[in-house]
Amino acid sequence: MTETAGLEMEQGGERSAQERLRERRATAHRQVRRTLARASTGGSIRERLAELTEAAPDVYDVDEPTDIYGNRIVAAVEERVAALLGTEAAAFFPTGTMAQQVALRCWAARTGSPTVALHPLGHPEVHERDAFSQLSGLRPVHVTSEPRLPTAAEIRDFAEPFGALMLELPLRDAGFLLPTWEELNDVVEAARERDAVVHFDGARLWESTVHFERPLREIAGLADSVYVSFYKSLGGFGGAALAGPLTLIEEAKTWRHRYGGMIFQQFPTALSALVGLERELPRLPDYVRHARVVAAALREGFAEAGLPWARVHPGVPHTHQFQVWLPYDSEVPAEAAVRQAEESAVFLFSSPWNAGGPGLAWTEVTVAGAGLEWTADDVRAAVRDFVDRLPERA
């Protein structure tokens, strides 16, 4: 066997092992008795449709005709979002990727600058395959490379001009981090001093109210435009909204059509968005507060189990999601987590584990409705059981 052929077989075997682990994780999601958050995508098509059918009459008149190209129920979602965020108008989009490209290309035309200042860990830079530059003619620049939101001083001292500042709130890939309310105000003011508009990537803005101790309208009111998601925290089928001044939203709707976002009928997605706004949005503050209980119990559990080098980041979660770091290669805690779910029906770490460097692994923890049932003692007990499935460190 040639060296190349052997490498290909090894890579193929590695991919197969990863696929098997994903399948085991998905099966465990469906079968476990306890977990901190049940993924909305975990059910069957029949189950998801049944849930929507049951909930829909509570949020919308289901005897009304279906939508066509964004009228009726889609328009109702847009009005609801604008009211929640305190903006003049909102536009429904099939994806956040499309919504934010449209928003920022509209702002670029108005400011005369295609340059967008954003964090290198922001969603457009990490998860969108250079869509800003490849499709919309935008030029991203990075104000800071630190794993946090930029400071007002960094905005003021940045060497290049930019027309728009994009802030992801919270910054997911840095640990779902938010600035303080005072820091956010200072950053926005610094951008305005440079005659730049401010756009919030608010895919998870819904759950930021506890940290900021402010209502959504006040938070969104700092920005010139805001994008929000209907599935990341609200459990919808998909979809997003762009909110802002009426003139911007009218222009954005034109570009939405040009980008292929004028979907013939979107009533299932729009219905699920309304259900999420009605049912999940009011519960998010409880999830955030309980995530702090869970995070503290995780730290205590790891210390009691004899694994002192374990990190919960941030120490006090800013939202209902945060990171856990352990001193192992990623496949080790990944296997331990799935085995715990398979053997005990308790899925403590249900998200994938990622490599964070040599001998370091991290995962994301979400505390949602199912997690409210967990006491701190429950978390500590689950940690001990999880650590027992890890190999002893030399």
Protein backbone atom coordinates (compact mmCIF):
# COMPACT_ATOMS: atom_id res chain seq x y z
CA MET A 1 0.00 0.00 0.00
CA THR A 2 1.33 3.46 -0.91
CA GLU A 3 1.72 6.16 1.71
CA THR A 4 -0.98 8.22 -0.05
CA ALA A 5 -3.44 5.34 -0.08
CA GLY A 6 -2.79 4.65 3.58
CA LEU A 7 -3.40 8.31 4.44
CA GLU A 8 -6.66 8.32 2.47
CA MET A 9 -7.85 5.21 4.33
CA GLU A 10 -6.89 6.77 7.64
CA GLN A 11 -8.76 9.99 6.79
CA GLY A 12 -11.75 7.99 5.60
CA GLY A 13 -11.76 6.01 8.85
CA GLU A 14 -11.55 9.22 10.85
CA ARG A 15 -14.50 10.71 9.00
CA SER A 16 -16.46 7.53 9.52
CA ALA A 17 -15.77 7.63 13.26
CA GLN A 18 -16.92 11.24 13.40
CA GLU A 19 -20.08 10.37 11.49
CA ARG A 20 -20.81 7.49 13.85
CA LEU A 21 -20.36 9.79 16.85
CA ARG A 22 -22.76 12.33 15.31
CA GLU A 23 -25.33 9.58 14.78
CA ARG A 24 -24.94 8.38 18.37
CA ARG A 25 -25.28 11.95 19.64
CA ALA A 26 -28.45 12.49 17.60
CA THR A 27 -29.94 9.22 18.86
CA ALA A 28 -29.07 10.13 22.43
CA HIS A 29 -30.79 13.50 22.04
CA ARG A 30 -34.02 11.72 21.18
CA GLN A 31 -33.84 9.07 23.90
CA VAL A 32 -32.32 10.63 27.02
CA ARG A 33 -34.38 11.26 30.12
CA ARG A 34 -32.61 14.45 31.20
CA THR A 35 -30.68 17.16 29.38
CA LEU A 36 -30.11 20.87 29.89
CA ALA A 37 -31.75 21.82 26.59
CA ARG A 38 -33.73 19.83 24.05
CA ALA A 39 -32.91 20.86 20.51
CA SER A 40 -35.95 21.99 18.55
CA THR A 41 -34.55 20.09 15.56
CA GLY A 42 -34.43 16.81 17.48
CA GLY A 43 -37.97 15.67 16.78
CA SER A 44 -39.41 14.02 13.70
CA ILE A 45 -41.22 15.96 10.97
CA ARG A 46 -44.52 14.60 12.27
CA GLU A 47 -43.72 15.74 15.83
CA ARG A 48 -42.67 19.22 14.77
CA LEU A 49 -45.73 19.70 12.60
CA ALA A 50 -47.97 18.46 15.41
CA GLU A 51 -46.41 20.92 17.86
CA LEU A 52 -46.93 23.78 15.42
CA THR A 53 -50.52 22.75 14.68
CA GLU A 54 -51.29 22.67 18.39
CA ALA A 55 -49.71 26.03 19.18
CA ALA A 56 -50.65 28.01 16.06
CA PRO A 57 -54.27 28.92 16.98
CA ASP A 58 -53.00 30.66 20.11
CA VAL A 59 -50.90 33.12 18.08
CA TYR A 60 -52.69 33.58 14.76
CA ASP A 61 -56.02 33.03 13.01
CA VAL A 62 -55.29 29.80 11.15
CA ASP A 63 -58.55 30.06 9.20
CA GLU A 64 -57.15 33.10 7.41
CA PRO A 65 -55.78 32.54 3.86
CA THR A 66 -52.10 31.62 3.64
CA ASP A 67 -49.48 34.21 2.76
CA ILE A 68 -48.30 34.95 -0.77
CA TYR A 69 -44.91 36.63 -1.26
CA GLY A 70 -44.78 38.03 2.23
CA ASN A 71 -48.26 39.35 2.90
CA ARG A 72 -50.68 38.42 5.71
CA ILE A 73 -48.89 36.34 8.35
CA VAL A 74 -45.40 37.41 7.25
CA ALA A 75 -46.48 41.03 7.56
CA ALA A 76 -47.84 40.23 11.03
CA VAL A 77 -44.44 38.89 12.08
CA GLU A 78 -42.77 42.03 10.76
CA GLU A 79 -45.15 44.26 12.72
CA ARG A 80 -44.58 42.22 15.89
CA VAL A 81 -40.80 42.48 15.63
CA ALA A 82 -40.88 46.21 14.96
CA ALA A 83 -43.07 46.69 18.03
CA LEU A 84 -40.81 44.55 20.23
CA LEU A 85 -37.65 46.35 19.13
CA GLY A 86 -39.18 49.81 18.97
CA THR A 87 -38.24 50.43 15.33
CA GLU A 88 -40.27 52.03 12.56
CA ALA A 89 -40.41 48.85 10.49
CA ALA A 90 -39.04 45.34 10.03
CA ALA A 91 -38.61 42.94 7.11
CA PHE A 92 -38.82 39.15 7.24
CA PHE A 93 -35.89 37.30 5.62
CA PRO A 94 -35.35 33.58 5.01
CA THR A 95 -31.85 33.76 6.55
CA GLY A 96 -29.79 36.06 8.72
CA THR A 97 -26.92 35.83 6.22
CA MET A 98 -29.13 37.48 3.62
CA ALA A 99 -30.62 40.00 6.04
CA GLN A 100 -27.27 41.33 7.20
CA GLN A 101 -25.74 41.52 3.74
CA VAL A 102 -28.73 43.51 2.55
CA ALA A 103 -28.63 45.83 5.57
CA LEU A 104 -24.94 46.58 5.24
CA ARG A 105 -24.95 47.06 1.48
CA CYS A 106 -27.83 49.53 1.94
CA TRP A 107 -25.84 51.38 4.58
CA ALA A 108 -22.76 51.32 2.32
CA ALA A 109 -24.71 53.11 -0.40
CA ARG A 110 -25.90 55.72 2.08
CA THR A 111 -22.56 56.33 3.80
CA GLY A 112 -20.50 56.08 0.64
CA SER A 113 -18.20 53.52 2.26
CA PRO A 114 -18.20 49.74 1.64
CA THR A 115 -15.96 49.16 4.68
CA VAL A 116 -17.56 47.34 7.61
CA ALA A 117 -15.77 47.13 10.95
CA LEU A 118 -16.53 43.88 12.76
CA HIS A 119 -14.93 41.24 14.93
CA PRO A 120 -12.97 38.41 13.24
CA LEU A 121 -15.03 35.95 15.33
CA GLY A 122 -18.25 37.47 14.04
CA HIS A 123 -20.65 35.22 12.16
CA PRO A 124 -19.99 36.73 8.71
CA GLU A 125 -16.26 36.13 9.06
CA VAL A 126 -16.44 32.59 10.46
CA HIS A 127 -19.59 30.99 9.08
CA GLU A 128 -20.56 32.66 5.79
CA ARG A 129 -17.73 31.82 3.32
CA ASP A 130 -16.73 35.44 2.73
CA ALA A 131 -20.23 36.36 1.58
CA PHE A 132 -19.73 40.05 2.38
CA SER A 133 -16.87 40.47 -0.07
CA GLN A 134 -17.86 37.84 -2.61
CA LEU A 135 -21.50 38.85 -3.07
CA SER A 136 -22.06 42.32 -1.71
CA GLY A 137 -18.86 44.21 -2.44
CA LEU A 138 -18.29 44.93 1.24
CA ARG A 139 -14.82 45.11 2.77
CA PRO A 140 -14.57 43.77 6.32
CA VAL A 141 -11.93 45.21 8.67
CA HIS A 142 -11.12 44.02 12.18
CA VAL A 143 -10.92 46.58 14.96
CA THR A 144 -9.57 44.05 17.47
CA SER A 145 -8.50 40.42 17.53
CA GLU A 146 -9.09 40.02 21.26
CA PRO A 147 -11.81 37.44 22.11
CA ARG A 148 -14.29 40.12 23.22
CA LEU A 149 -16.26 43.00 21.79
CA PRO A 150 -14.20 46.06 20.78
CA THR A 151 -13.75 48.94 23.19
CA ALA A 152 -14.61 52.57 22.55
CA ALA A 153 -10.90 53.44 22.54
CA GLU A 154 -10.23 50.82 19.86
CA ILE A 155 -13.05 52.26 17.74
CA ARG A 156 -11.75 55.82 18.09
CA ASP A 157 -8.11 54.88 17.44
CA PHE A 158 -8.67 52.52 14.51
CA ALA A 159 -6.44 53.65 11.64
CA GLU A 160 -8.89 53.10 8.76
CA PRO A 161 -12.17 54.82 8.01
CA PHE A 162 -15.31 52.68 7.94
CA GLY A 163 -18.92 53.36 7.12
CA ALA A 164 -20.56 50.84 9.45
CA LEU A 165 -19.73 49.14 12.73
CA MET A 166 -21.27 45.69 13.15
CA LEU A 167 -21.53 44.35 16.70
CA GLU A 168 -22.54 40.73 17.35
CA LEU A 169 -24.50 40.70 20.60
CA PRO A 170 -23.62 38.35 22.18
CA LEU A 171 -20.34 37.38 20.48
CA ARG A 172 -21.06 33.66 20.17
CA ASP A 173 -17.64 32.26 19.22
CA ALA A 174 -15.94 34.11 22.09
CA GLY A 175 -18.24 32.46 24.63
CA PHE A 176 -21.54 34.32 24.10
CA LEU A 177 -19.97 37.49 25.50
CA LEU A 178 -21.67 40.84 26.00
CA PRO A 179 -20.13 44.16 27.05
CA THR A 180 -21.54 46.06 29.97
CA TRP A 181 -24.33 48.51 29.21
CA GLU A 182 -21.96 51.43 29.76
CA GLU A 183 -19.34 49.88 27.46
CA LEU A 184 -21.90 49.33 24.74
CA ASN A 185 -23.07 52.93 24.93
CA ASP A 186 -19.47 54.15 24.75
CA VAL A 187 -18.72 51.98 21.70
CA VAL A 188 -21.80 53.22 19.87
CA GLU A 189 -20.91 56.83 20.70
CA ALA A 190 -17.35 56.29 19.45
CA ALA A 191 -18.67 54.94 16.14
CA ARG A 192 -21.01 57.90 15.76
CA GLU A 193 -18.11 60.27 16.39
CA ARG A 194 -16.56 58.73 13.27
CA ASP A 195 -19.80 59.27 11.31
CA ALA A 196 -20.33 55.50 11.10
CA VAL A 197 -23.69 53.76 11.41
CA VAL A 198 -24.09 50.94 13.94
CA HIS A 199 -25.67 47.61 13.06
CA PHE A 200 -26.39 44.93 15.68
CA ASP A 201 -26.01 41.29 14.69
CA GLY A 202 -28.66 40.34 17.21
CA ALA A 203 -29.24 36.70 16.31
CA ARG A 204 -29.32 36.08 20.05
CA LEU A 205 -30.24 39.60 21.17
CA TRP A 206 -33.50 38.31 22.66
CA GLU A 207 -31.69 36.88 25.70
CA SER A 208 -29.47 39.91 26.41
CA THR A 209 -31.99 41.77 28.57
CA VAL A 210 -30.93 40.15 31.86
CA HIS A 211 -27.25 41.06 31.44
CA PHE A 212 -27.97 44.61 30.31
CA GLU A 213 -30.87 45.06 32.75
CA ARG A 214 -32.69 46.88 29.97
CA PRO A 215 -35.75 46.07 27.82
CA LEU A 216 -35.31 45.04 24.20
CA ARG A 217 -36.52 48.40 22.90
CA GLU A 218 -33.83 50.27 24.79
CA ILE A 219 -31.08 47.89 23.67
CA ALA A 220 -32.14 47.94 20.02
CA GLY A 221 -32.57 51.71 20.22
CA LEU A 222 -28.79 52.18 20.39
CA ALA A 223 -28.35 50.84 16.85
CA ASP A 224 -29.30 52.16 13.43
CA SER A 225 -30.43 48.67 12.40
CA VAL A 226 -30.82 45.28 14.07
CA TYR A 227 -31.04 41.71 12.82
CA VAL A 228 -32.75 39.05 14.93
CA SER A 229 -33.19 35.30 14.42
CA PHE A 230 -36.31 33.23 14.98
CA TYR A 231 -34.69 29.82 15.44
CA LYS A 232 -31.49 30.21 17.45
CA SER A 233 -33.22 30.89 20.77
CA LEU A 234 -36.90 30.95 19.93
CA GLY A 235 -37.16 27.45 18.43
CA GLY A 236 -38.65 28.50 15.09
CA PHE A 237 -38.28 26.58 11.85
CA GLY A 238 -35.95 29.29 10.54
CA GLY A 239 -36.13 32.86 9.35
CA ALA A 240 -34.87 36.23 10.48
CA ALA A 241 -35.89 39.88 10.56
CA LEU A 242 -34.14 43.14 9.84
CA ALA A 243 -35.46 46.10 11.84
CA GLY A 244 -34.75 49.79 11.48
CA PRO A 245 -35.95 53.04 9.90
CA LEU A 246 -38.82 52.76 7.41
CA THR A 247 -36.77 54.05 4.48
CA LEU A 248 -34.02 51.49 5.12
CA ILE A 249 -36.50 48.63 5.43
CA GLU A 250 -38.27 49.59 2.20
CA GLU A 251 -34.92 49.59 0.40
CA ALA A 252 -33.99 46.31 2.09
CA LYS A 253 -37.16 44.69 0.77
CA THR A 254 -36.10 45.59 -2.77
CA TRP A 255 -32.73 43.95 -2.23
CA ARG A 256 -34.39 40.98 -0.54
CA HIS A 257 -36.21 40.36 -3.83
CA ARG A 258 -32.97 40.71 -5.82
CA TYR A 259 -31.19 38.26 -3.52
CA GLY A 260 -33.91 35.65 -3.99
CA GLY A 261 -35.57 36.17 -0.63
CA MET A 262 -39.11 36.67 -1.91
CA ILE A 263 -40.38 33.21 -1.02
CA PHE A 264 -43.78 32.26 -2.48
CA GLN A 265 -45.20 30.99 0.81
CA GLN A 266 -43.57 31.10 4.24
CA PHE A 267 -46.50 30.56 6.56
CA PRO A 268 -45.03 27.52 8.40
CA THR A 269 -41.83 29.44 9.19
CA ALA A 270 -43.73 32.62 10.03
CA LEU A 271 -46.13 30.70 12.27
CA SER A 272 -43.26 29.08 14.14
CA ALA A 273 -41.69 32.53 14.59
CA LEU A 274 -44.89 33.85 16.16
CA VAL A 275 -45.08 30.81 18.44
CA GLY A 276 -41.48 31.40 19.54
CA LEU A 277 -42.14 35.07 20.22
CA GLU A 278 -45.22 34.18 22.25
CA ARG A 279 -43.90 31.18 24.18
CA GLU A 280 -40.09 31.18 24.32
CA LEU A 281 -39.27 34.88 24.41
CA PRO A 282 -40.89 35.43 27.84
CA ARG A 283 -39.01 32.41 29.25
CA LEU A 284 -35.52 33.44 28.13
CA PRO A 285 -34.78 35.54 31.25
CA ASP A 286 -35.45 32.46 33.41
CA TYR A 287 -33.07 30.43 31.26
CA VAL A 288 -30.35 33.07 31.66
CA ARG A 289 -30.73 33.22 35.42
CA HIS A 290 -30.68 29.44 35.76
CA ALA A 291 -27.65 29.18 33.46
CA ARG A 292 -25.73 31.01 36.18
CA VAL A 293 -26.76 28.34 38.70
CA VAL A 294 -25.72 25.58 36.30
CA ALA A 295 -22.37 27.23 35.53
CA ALA A 296 -21.48 27.56 39.21
CA ALA A 297 -22.46 23.93 39.87
CA LEU A 298 -20.34 22.77 36.93
CA ARG A 299 -17.27 24.49 38.36
CA GLU A 300 -17.93 23.01 41.79
CA GLY A 301 -18.58 19.58 40.33
CA PHE A 302 -15.32 19.48 38.39
CA ALA A 303 -13.35 20.59 41.45
CA GLU A 304 -15.04 18.00 43.68
CA ALA A 305 -14.40 15.28 41.10
CA GLY A 306 -10.67 16.01 41.13
CA LEU A 307 -10.48 17.81 37.80
CA PRO A 308 -9.42 21.29 38.94
CA TRP A 309 -8.34 22.48 35.48
CA ALA A 310 -11.76 22.94 34.01
CA ARG A 311 -13.04 26.28 32.85
CA VAL A 312 -16.53 27.70 32.54
CA HIS A 313 -16.38 30.73 30.26
CA PRO A 314 -17.52 33.30 31.09
CA GLY A 315 -17.48 32.54 34.80
CA VAL A 316 -20.91 34.11 35.17
CA PRO A 317 -22.74 33.51 31.87
CA HIS A 318 -23.97 36.59 30.05
CA THR A 319 -26.81 34.66 28.40
CA HIS A 320 -28.26 31.16 28.76
CA GLN A 321 -25.31 29.80 26.77
CA PHE A 322 -21.63 29.53 27.65
CA GLN A 323 -18.50 27.44 27.07
CA VAL A 324 -16.84 24.64 29.07
CA TRP A 325 -13.14 23.91 28.52
CA LEU A 326 -11.37 20.69 29.58
CA PRO A 327 -7.71 19.51 29.36
CA TYR A 328 -8.27 16.69 26.85
CA ASP A 329 -8.18 16.16 23.12
CA SER A 330 -11.69 16.79 21.84
CA GLU A 331 -12.56 13.17 21.03
CA VAL A 332 -12.11 12.17 24.70
CA PRO A 333 -14.87 14.26 26.32
CA ALA A 334 -17.00 13.79 23.19
CA GLU A 335 -16.98 10.01 23.71
CA ALA A 336 -17.51 10.35 27.47
CA ALA A 337 -20.50 12.65 26.97
CA VAL A 338 -22.23 10.32 24.53
CA ARG A 339 -21.53 7.25 26.66
CA GLN A 340 -22.99 8.99 29.69
CA ALA A 341 -26.14 9.70 27.70
CA GLU A 342 -26.36 6.14 26.38
CA GLU A 343 -25.72 4.45 29.71
CA SER A 344 -27.44 6.77 32.20
CA ALA A 345 -30.03 8.59 30.02
CA VAL A 346 -28.53 11.88 31.24
CA PHE A 347 -26.99 14.12 28.58
CA LEU A 348 -24.93 16.74 30.41
CA PHE A 349 -22.87 17.94 27.43
CA SER A 350 -25.05 17.44 24.38
CA SER A 351 -23.23 19.76 21.96
CA PRO A 352 -20.15 18.70 19.95
CA TRP A 353 -16.70 19.06 21.48
CA ASN A 354 -14.14 21.12 19.57
CA ALA A 355 -10.34 21.27 19.60
CA GLY A 356 -9.14 24.39 21.38
CA GLY A 357 -5.43 23.67 21.03
CA PRO A 358 -3.09 20.78 21.90
CA GLY A 359 -4.75 18.80 24.69
CA LEU A 360 -7.62 21.27 25.04
CA ALA A 361 -11.29 20.82 24.19
CA TRP A 362 -14.32 23.03 24.53
CA THR A 363 -18.05 22.71 24.10
CA GLU A 364 -21.08 24.98 24.29
CA VAL A 365 -23.68 24.55 27.02
CA THR A 366 -27.25 25.77 26.59
CA VAL A 367 -29.72 25.97 29.46
CA ALA A 368 -33.32 26.06 28.24
CA GLY A 369 -36.71 24.74 29.37
CA ALA A 370 -35.50 21.23 30.16
CA GLY A 371 -32.61 22.67 32.19
CA LEU A 372 -34.90 24.45 34.63
CA GLU A 373 -35.62 21.07 36.22
CA TRP A 374 -31.97 20.64 37.23
CA THR A 375 -30.88 21.64 40.72
CA ALA A 376 -27.27 22.48 41.53
CA ASP A 377 -26.98 19.05 43.20
CA ASP A 378 -28.23 17.40 40.01
CA VAL A 379 -25.55 19.19 37.99
CA ARG A 380 -22.76 18.26 40.41
CA ALA A 381 -23.85 14.60 40.41
CA ALA A 382 -23.91 14.54 36.61
CA VAL A 383 -20.42 16.06 36.51
CA ARG A 384 -19.06 13.36 38.81
CA ASP A 385 -20.58 10.66 36.61
CA PHE A 386 -19.15 12.33 33.49
CA VAL A 387 -15.65 12.65 34.98
CA ASP A 388 -15.71 8.97 35.95
CA ARG A 389 -15.93 8.20 32.22
CA LEU A 390 -12.82 10.24 31.40
CA PRO A 391 -9.38 8.60 31.43
CA GLU A 392 -7.14 9.45 34.36
CA ARG A 393 -4.59 12.13 33.60
CA ALA A 394 -0.93 11.43 34.23
